[in-house]
């Protein structure tokens, strides 16, 4: 497991297109994306060690297109 420290905003999203692609091609590529200021990090498992909130913004999605995501400043552990 890798860790992203506390403090910076991290957004965890599920990539629906990757889920469909995995089903179509019989693959198991990571479908979770951790959006950080350094760019997205692919993950198969994420643990948020502290407070977080789930946000739904259908009128103002993230740049990646996500309309629902988990946002936190807490430490995150993930497996890519």
PDB file of N, CA and C in Angstrom:
ATOM      1  N   UNK A   1       0.841  -1.188   0.000  1.00  0.00           N
ATOM      2  CA  UNK A   1       0.000   0.000   0.000  1.00  0.00           C
ATOM      3  C   UNK A   1       0.883   1.247   0.000  1.00  0.00           C
ATOM      4  N   UNK A   2       0.436   2.234  -0.723  1.00  0.00           N
ATOM      5  CA  UNK A   2       1.122   3.520  -0.754  1.00  0.00           C
ATOM      6  C   UNK A   2       0.284   4.523   0.023  1.00  0.00           C
ATOM      7  N   UNK A   3       0.902   5.642   0.414  1.00  0.00           N
ATOM      8  CA  UNK A   3       0.218   6.627   1.245  1.00  0.00           C
ATOM      9  C   UNK A   3       0.345   8.017   0.641  1.00  0.00           C
ATOM     10  N   UNK A   4      -0.736   8.784   0.735  1.00  0.00           N
ATOM     11  CA  UNK A   4      -0.728  10.210   0.411  1.00  0.00           C
ATOM     12  C   UNK A   4      -1.039  10.924   1.714  1.00  0.00           C
ATOM     13  N   UNK A   5      -0.179  11.838   2.118  1.00  0.00           N
ATOM     14  CA  UNK A   5      -0.291  12.491   3.419  1.00  0.00           C
ATOM     15  C   UNK A   5      -1.475  13.419   3.577  1.00  0.00           C
ATOM     16  N   UNK A   6      -1.643  13.867   4.809  1.00  0.00           N
ATOM     17  CA  UNK A   6      -2.726  14.789   5.161  1.00  0.00           C
ATOM     18  C   UNK A   6      -2.447  16.177   4.606  1.00  0.00           C
ATOM     19  N   UNK A   7      -3.494  16.994   4.557  1.00  0.00           N
ATOM     20  CA  UNK A   7      -3.337  18.403   4.225  1.00  0.00           C
ATOM     21  C   UNK A   7      -3.880  18.802   2.875  1.00  0.00           C
ATOM     22  N   UNK A   8      -3.414  18.176   1.814  1.00  0.00           N
ATOM     23  CA  UNK A   8      -3.884  18.571   0.490  1.00  0.00           C
ATOM     24  C   UNK A   8      -5.235  17.935   0.196  1.00  0.00           C
ATOM     25  N   UNK A   9      -6.012  18.582  -0.637  1.00  0.00           N
ATOM     26  CA  UNK A   9      -7.321  18.047  -1.018  1.00  0.00           C
ATOM     27  C   UNK A   9      -7.118  16.892  -1.990  1.00  0.00           C
ATOM     28  N   UNK A  10      -7.804  15.802  -1.709  1.00  0.00           N
ATOM     29  CA  UNK A  10      -7.788  14.631  -2.572  1.00  0.00           C
ATOM     30  C   UNK A  10      -9.229  14.279  -2.914  1.00  0.00           C
ATOM     31  N   UNK A  11      -9.467  13.953  -4.167  1.00  0.00           N
ATOM     32  CA  UNK A  11     -10.803  13.567  -4.613  1.00  0.00           C
ATOM     33  C   UNK A  11     -10.730  12.152  -5.169  1.00  0.00           C
ATOM     34  N   UNK A  12     -11.599  11.283  -4.661  1.00  0.00           N
ATOM     35  CA  UNK A  12     -11.623   9.889  -5.088  1.00  0.00           C
ATOM     36  C   UNK A  12     -12.845   9.685  -5.968  1.00  0.00           C
ATOM     37  N   UNK A  13     -12.613   9.235  -7.202  1.00  0.00           N
ATOM     38  CA  UNK A  13     -13.710   9.026  -8.151  1.00  0.00           C
ATOM     39  C   UNK A  13     -13.635   7.605  -8.714  1.00  0.00           C
ATOM     40  N   UNK A  14     -14.774   7.117  -9.211  1.00  0.00           N
ATOM     41  CA  UNK A  14     -14.843   5.810  -9.864  1.00  0.00           C
ATOM     42  C   UNK A  14     -15.044   6.060 -11.357  1.00  0.00           C
ATOM     43  N   UNK A  15     -14.188   5.456 -12.167  1.00  0.00           N
ATOM     44  CA  UNK A  15     -14.219   5.654 -13.610  1.00  0.00           C
ATOM     45  C   UNK A  15     -15.148   4.612 -14.253  1.00  0.00           C
ATOM     46  N   UNK A  16     -16.357   5.046 -14.605  1.00  0.00           N
ATOM     47  CA  UNK A  16     -17.351   4.142 -15.199  1.00  0.00           C
ATOM     48  C   UNK A  16     -16.890   3.595 -16.549  1.00  0.00           C
ATOM     49  N   UNK A  17     -16.168   4.421 -17.320  1.00  0.00           N
ATOM     50  CA  UNK A  17     -15.691   3.972 -18.628  1.00  0.00           C
ATOM     51  C   UNK A  17     -14.695   2.829 -18.483  1.00  0.00           C
ATOM     52  N   UNK A  18     -13.849   2.899 -17.450  1.00  0.00           N
ATOM     53  CA  UNK A  18     -12.867   1.838 -17.212  1.00  0.00           C
ATOM     54  C   UNK A  18     -13.564   0.553 -16.763  1.00  0.00           C
ATOM     55  N   UNK A  19     -14.642   0.684 -15.967  1.00  0.00           N
ATOM     56  CA  UNK A  19     -15.412  -0.506 -15.567  1.00  0.00           C
ATOM     57  C   UNK A  19     -15.972  -1.199 -16.802  1.00  0.00           C
ATOM     58  N   UNK A  20     -16.588  -0.426 -17.691  1.00  0.00           N
ATOM     59  CA  UNK A  20     -17.153  -1.003 -18.918  1.00  0.00           C
ATOM     60  C   UNK A  20     -16.072  -1.644 -19.789  1.00  0.00           C
ATOM     61  N   UNK A  21     -14.926  -0.963 -19.899  1.00  0.00           N
ATOM     62  CA  UNK A  21     -13.824  -1.496 -20.693  1.00  0.00           C
ATOM     63  C   UNK A  21     -13.311  -2.816 -20.104  1.00  0.00           C
ATOM     64  N   UNK A  22     -13.188  -2.880 -18.779  1.00  0.00           N
ATOM     65  CA  UNK A  22     -12.755  -4.116 -18.125  1.00  0.00           C
ATOM     66  C   UNK A  22     -13.719  -5.267 -18.423  1.00  0.00           C
ATOM     67  N   UNK A  23     -15.023  -4.988 -18.345  1.00  0.00           N
ATOM     68  CA  UNK A  23     -16.026  -6.020 -18.629  1.00  0.00           C
ATOM     69  C   UNK A  23     -15.943  -6.482 -20.082  1.00  0.00           C
ATOM     70  N   UNK A  24     -15.796  -5.533 -20.982  1.00  0.00           N
ATOM     71  CA  UNK A  24     -15.765  -5.841 -22.412  1.00  0.00           C
ATOM     72  C   UNK A  24     -14.527  -6.650 -22.798  1.00  0.00           C
ATOM     73  N   UNK A  25     -13.371  -6.299 -22.205  1.00  0.00           N
ATOM     74  CA  UNK A  25     -12.111  -6.911 -22.605  1.00  0.00           C
ATOM     75  C   UNK A  25     -11.596  -7.971 -21.634  1.00  0.00           C
ATOM     76  N   UNK A  26     -12.341  -8.229 -20.557  1.00  0.00           N
ATOM     77  CA  UNK A  26     -11.920  -9.236 -19.588  1.00  0.00           C
ATOM     78  C   UNK A  26     -10.672  -8.842 -18.810  1.00  0.00           C
ATOM     79  N   UNK A  27     -10.481  -7.550 -18.595  1.00  0.00           N
ATOM     80  CA  UNK A  27      -9.314  -7.057 -17.870  1.00  0.00           C
ATOM     81  C   UNK A  27      -9.705  -6.619 -16.464  1.00  0.00           C
ATOM     82  N   UNK A  28      -8.704  -6.310 -15.652  1.00  0.00           N
ATOM     83  CA  UNK A  28      -8.955  -5.859 -14.272  1.00  0.00           C
ATOM     84  C   UNK A  28      -8.152  -4.600 -13.967  1.00  0.00           C
ATOM     85  N   UNK A  29      -8.084  -3.684 -14.917  1.00  0.00           N
ATOM     86  CA  UNK A  29      -7.366  -2.426 -14.699  1.00  0.00           C
ATOM     87  C   UNK A  29      -8.018  -1.642 -13.560  1.00  0.00           C
ATOM     88  N   UNK A  30      -7.240  -0.830 -12.824  1.00  0.00           N
ATOM     89  CA  UNK A  30      -7.806  -0.033 -11.727  1.00  0.00           C
ATOM     90  C   UNK A  30      -8.916   0.899 -12.223  1.00  0.00           C
ATOM     91  N   UNK A  31     -10.026   0.948 -11.486  1.00  0.00           N
ATOM     92  CA  UNK A  31     -11.160   1.799 -11.873  1.00  0.00           C
ATOM     93  C   UNK A  31     -11.339   2.987 -10.931  1.00  0.00           C
ATOM     94  N   UNK A  32     -10.571   3.030  -9.846  1.00  0.00           N
ATOM     95  CA  UNK A  32     -10.635   4.139  -8.905  1.00  0.00           C
ATOM     96  C   UNK A  32      -9.514   5.106  -9.242  1.00  0.00           C
ATOM     97  N   UNK A  33      -9.824   6.394  -9.215  1.00  0.00           N
ATOM     98  CA  UNK A  33      -8.826   7.420  -9.487  1.00  0.00           C
ATOM     99  C   UNK A  33      -8.778   8.384  -8.312  1.00  0.00           C
ATOM    100  N   UNK A  34      -7.572   8.630  -7.800  1.00  0.00           N
ATOM    101  CA  UNK A  34      -7.383   9.617  -6.733  1.00  0.00           C
ATOM    102  C   UNK A  34      -6.846  10.873  -7.406  1.00  0.00           C
ATOM    103  N   UNK A  35      -7.669  11.909  -7.447  1.00  0.00           N
ATOM    104  CA  UNK A  35      -7.295  13.159  -8.083  1.00  0.00           C
ATOM    105  C   UNK A  35      -6.537  14.018  -7.072  1.00  0.00           C
ATOM    106  N   UNK A  36      -5.300  14.389  -7.401  1.00  0.00           N
ATOM    107  CA  UNK A  36      -4.481  15.241  -6.538  1.00  0.00           C
ATOM    108  C   UNK A  36      -3.954  16.412  -7.354  1.00  0.00           C
ATOM    109  N   UNK A  37      -3.295  17.345  -6.684  1.00  0.00           N
ATOM    110  CA  UNK A  37      -2.704  18.477  -7.391  1.00  0.00           C
ATOM    111  C   UNK A  37      -1.574  18.026  -8.316  1.00  0.00           C
ATOM    112  N   UNK A  38      -1.027  16.836  -8.084  1.00  0.00           N
ATOM    113  CA  UNK A  38       0.044  16.286  -8.926  1.00  0.00           C
ATOM    114  C   UNK A  38      -0.497  15.468 -10.090  1.00  0.00           C
ATOM    115  N   UNK A  39      -1.810  15.303 -10.155  1.00  0.00           N
ATOM    116  CA  UNK A  39      -2.415  14.507 -11.208  1.00  0.00           C
ATOM    117  C   UNK A  39      -3.126  13.293 -10.637  1.00  0.00           C
ATOM    118  N   UNK A  40      -3.788  12.518 -11.497  1.00  0.00           N
ATOM    119  CA  UNK A  40      -4.549  11.359 -11.027  1.00  0.00           C
ATOM    120  C   UNK A  40      -3.655  10.150 -10.738  1.00  0.00           C
ATOM    121  N   UNK A  41      -4.047   9.388  -9.715  1.00  0.00           N
ATOM    122  CA  UNK A  41      -3.360   8.152  -9.354  1.00  0.00           C
ATOM    123  C   UNK A  41      -4.356   7.007  -9.446  1.00  0.00           C
ATOM    124  N   UNK A  42      -4.072   5.961 -10.239  1.00  0.00           N
ATOM    125  CA  UNK A  42      -5.001   4.834 -10.344  1.00  0.00           C
ATOM    126  C   UNK A  42      -4.931   3.959  -9.097  1.00  0.00           C
ATOM    127  N   UNK A  43      -6.072   3.389  -8.713  1.00  0.00           N
ATOM    128  CA  UNK A  43      -6.109   2.535  -7.523  1.00  0.00           C
ATOM    129  C   UNK A  43      -7.170   1.450  -7.671  1.00  0.00           C
ATOM    130  N   UNK A  44      -6.929   0.335  -6.961  1.00  0.00           N
ATOM    131  CA  UNK A  44      -7.912  -0.745  -6.876  1.00  0.00           C
ATOM    132  C   UNK A  44      -8.536  -0.795  -5.493  1.00  0.00           C
ATOM    133  N   UNK A  45      -7.854  -0.215  -4.504  1.00  0.00           N
ATOM    134  CA  UNK A  45      -8.359  -0.191  -3.130  1.00  0.00           C
ATOM    135  C   UNK A  45      -7.899   1.114  -2.491  1.00  0.00           C
ATOM    136  N   UNK A  46      -8.817   1.777  -1.749  1.00  0.00           N
ATOM    137  CA  UNK A  46      -8.508   3.045  -1.100  1.00  0.00           C
ATOM    138  C   UNK A  46      -9.026   3.022   0.330  1.00  0.00           C
ATOM    139  N   UNK A  47      -8.179   3.455   1.274  1.00  0.00           N
ATOM    140  CA  UNK A  47      -8.591   3.620   2.661  1.00  0.00           C
ATOM    141  C   UNK A  47      -8.360   5.077   3.037  1.00  0.00           C
ATOM    142  N   UNK A  48      -9.416   5.739   3.524  1.00  0.00           N
ATOM    143  CA  UNK A  48      -9.315   7.132   3.961  1.00  0.00           C
ATOM    144  C   UNK A  48      -9.220   7.128   5.476  1.00  0.00           C
ATOM    145  N   UNK A  49      -8.101   7.617   6.001  1.00  0.00           N
ATOM    146  CA  UNK A  49      -7.837   7.601   7.439  1.00  0.00           C
ATOM    147  C   UNK A  49      -8.225   8.931   8.084  1.00  0.00           C
ATOM    148  N   UNK A  50      -9.515   9.217   8.124  1.00  0.00           N
ATOM    149  CA  UNK A  50      -9.992  10.449   8.734  1.00  0.00           C
ATOM    150  C   UNK A  50     -11.266  10.920   8.073  1.00  0.00           C
ATOM    151  N   UNK A  51     -11.669  12.149   8.407  1.00  0.00           N
ATOM    152  CA  UNK A  51     -12.925  12.687   7.876  1.00  0.00           C
ATOM    153  C   UNK A  51     -12.898  12.852   6.356  1.00  0.00           C
ATOM    154  N   UNK A  52     -14.060  12.645   5.759  1.00  0.00           N
ATOM    155  CA  UNK A  52     -14.235  12.847   4.322  1.00  0.00           C
ATOM    156  C   UNK A  52     -15.701  13.146   4.068  1.00  0.00           C
ATOM    157  N   UNK A  53     -16.005  13.594   2.863  1.00  0.00           N
ATOM    158  CA  UNK A  53     -17.407  13.818   2.510  1.00  0.00           C
ATOM    159  C   UNK A  53     -17.650  13.392   1.077  1.00  0.00           C
ATOM    160  N   UNK A  54     -18.879  12.955   0.812  1.00  0.00           N
ATOM    161  CA  UNK A  54     -19.290  12.579  -0.533  1.00  0.00           C
ATOM    162  C   UNK A  54     -20.015  13.783  -1.126  1.00  0.00           C
ATOM    163  N   UNK A  55     -19.604  14.174  -2.328  1.00  0.00           N
ATOM    164  CA  UNK A  55     -20.146  15.367  -2.975  1.00  0.00           C
ATOM    165  C   UNK A  55     -20.815  14.969  -4.285  1.00  0.00           C
ATOM    166  N   UNK A  56     -22.009  15.512  -4.513  1.00  0.00           N
ATOM    167  CA  UNK A  56     -22.738  15.318  -5.771  1.00  0.00           C
ATOM    168  C   UNK A  56     -22.981  16.691  -6.368  1.00  0.00           C
ATOM    169  N   UNK A  57     -22.381  16.965  -7.519  1.00  0.00           N
ATOM    170  CA  UNK A  57     -22.549  18.250  -8.204  1.00  0.00           C
ATOM    171  C   UNK A  57     -22.852  17.996  -9.679  1.00  0.00           C
ATOM    172  N   UNK A  58     -24.106  17.714 -10.016  1.00  0.00           N
ATOM    173  CA  UNK A  58     -24.424  17.405 -11.410  1.00  0.00           C
ATOM    174  C   UNK A  58     -24.247  18.599 -12.343  1.00  0.00           C
ATOM    175  N   UNK A  59     -24.377  19.817 -11.813  1.00  0.00           N
ATOM    176  CA  UNK A  59     -24.255  21.011 -12.647  1.00  0.00           C
ATOM    177  C   UNK A  59     -22.816  21.519 -12.755  1.00  0.00           C
ATOM    178  N   UNK A  60     -21.923  21.009 -11.912  1.00  0.00           N
ATOM    179  CA  UNK A  60     -20.527  21.454 -11.938  1.00  0.00           C
ATOM    180  C   UNK A  60     -19.608  20.246 -11.703  1.00  0.00           C
ATOM    181  N   UNK A  61     -19.481  19.359 -12.711  1.00  0.00           N
ATOM    182  CA  UNK A  61     -18.636  18.172 -12.539  1.00  0.00           C
ATOM    183  C   UNK A  61     -17.154  18.543 -12.493  1.00  0.00           C
ATOM    184  N   UNK A  62     -16.340  17.592 -12.044  1.00  0.00           N
ATOM    185  CA  UNK A  62     -14.896  17.778 -12.064  1.00  0.00           C
ATOM    186  C   UNK A  62     -14.406  17.769 -13.510  1.00  0.00           C
ATOM    187  N   UNK A  63     -13.159  18.169 -13.729  1.00  0.00           N
ATOM    188  CA  UNK A  63     -12.607  18.183 -15.084  1.00  0.00           C
ATOM    189  C   UNK A  63     -12.631  16.810 -15.738  1.00  0.00           C
ATOM    190  N   UNK A  64     -12.532  15.752 -14.918  1.00  0.00           N
ATOM    191  CA  UNK A  64     -12.556  14.386 -15.459  1.00  0.00           C
ATOM    192  C   UNK A  64     -13.975  13.947 -15.827  1.00  0.00           C
ATOM    193  N   UNK A  65     -14.983  14.754 -15.467  1.00  0.00           N
ATOM    194  CA  UNK A  65     -16.368  14.430 -15.792  1.00  0.00           C
ATOM    195  C   UNK A  65     -17.166  13.861 -14.627  1.00  0.00           C
ATOM    196  N   UNK A  66     -16.498  13.566 -13.517  1.00  0.00           N
ATOM    197  CA  UNK A  66     -17.189  12.983 -12.359  1.00  0.00           C
ATOM    198  C   UNK A  66     -18.186  13.976 -11.770  1.00  0.00           C
ATOM    199  N   UNK A  67     -19.374  13.469 -11.473  1.00  0.00           N
ATOM    200  CA  UNK A  67     -20.417  14.285 -10.846  1.00  0.00           C
ATOM    201  C   UNK A  67     -20.587  13.935  -9.373  1.00  0.00           C
ATOM    202  N   UNK A  68     -20.026  12.789  -8.971  1.00  0.00           N
ATOM    203  CA  UNK A  68     -20.042  12.335  -7.574  1.00  0.00           C
ATOM    204  C   UNK A  68     -18.613  11.933  -7.218  1.00  0.00           C
ATOM    205  N   UNK A  69     -18.143  12.375  -6.061  1.00  0.00           N
ATOM    206  CA  UNK A  69     -16.805  11.995  -5.611  1.00  0.00           C
ATOM    207  C   UNK A  69     -16.697  12.102  -4.102  1.00  0.00           C
ATOM    208  N   UNK A  70     -15.659  11.490  -3.570  1.00  0.00           N
ATOM    209  CA  UNK A  70     -15.332  11.593  -2.146  1.00  0.00           C
ATOM    210  C   UNK A  70     -14.180  12.579  -2.043  1.00  0.00           C
ATOM    211  N   UNK A  71     -14.331  13.558  -1.154  1.00  0.00           N
ATOM    212  CA  UNK A  71     -13.302  14.579  -0.986  1.00  0.00           C
ATOM    213  C   UNK A  71     -12.781  14.551   0.441  1.00  0.00           C
ATOM    214  N   UNK A  72     -11.452  14.657   0.587  1.00  0.00           N
ATOM    215  CA  UNK A  72     -10.856  14.609   1.912  1.00  0.00           C
ATOM    216  C   UNK A  72      -9.523  15.337   1.937  1.00  0.00           C
ATOM    217  N   UNK A  73      -9.132  15.775   3.120  1.00  0.00           N
ATOM    218  CA  UNK A  73      -7.784  16.281   3.360  1.00  0.00           C
ATOM    219  C   UNK A  73      -7.021  15.294   4.247  1.00  0.00           C
ATOM    220  N   UNK A  74      -7.678  14.193   4.602  1.00  0.00           N
ATOM    221  CA  UNK A  74      -7.087  13.171   5.460  1.00  0.00           C
ATOM    222  C   UNK A  74      -6.073  12.341   4.685  1.00  0.00           C
ATOM    223  N   UNK A  75      -5.288  11.576   5.420  1.00  0.00           N
ATOM    224  CA  UNK A  75      -4.346  10.651   4.811  1.00  0.00           C
ATOM    225  C   UNK A  75      -5.104   9.558   4.071  1.00  0.00           C
ATOM    226  N   UNK A  76      -4.565   9.179   2.909  1.00  0.00           N
ATOM    227  CA  UNK A  76      -5.155   8.105   2.103  1.00  0.00           C
ATOM    228  C   UNK A  76      -4.096   7.028   1.895  1.00  0.00           C
ATOM    229  N   UNK A  77      -4.511   5.774   2.082  1.00  0.00           N
ATOM    230  CA  UNK A  77      -3.676   4.629   1.726  1.00  0.00           C
ATOM    231  C   UNK A  77      -4.343   3.971   0.516  1.00  0.00           C
ATOM    232  N   UNK A  78      -3.533   3.576  -0.464  1.00  0.00           N
ATOM    233  CA  UNK A  78      -4.130   2.972  -1.661  1.00  0.00           C
ATOM    234  C   UNK A  78      -3.226   1.903  -2.262  1.00  0.00           C
ATOM    235  N   UNK A  79      -3.864   1.004  -2.999  1.00  0.00           N
ATOM    236  CA  UNK A  79      -3.162  -0.017  -3.773  1.00  0.00           C
ATOM    237  C   UNK A  79      -3.458   0.253  -5.231  1.00  0.00           C
ATOM    238  N   UNK A  80      -2.417   0.428  -6.031  1.00  0.00           N
ATOM    239  CA  UNK A  80      -2.585   0.778  -7.429  1.00  0.00           C
ATOM    240  C   UNK A  80      -2.688  -0.410  -8.331  1.00  0.00           C
TER     241      UNK A  80
END
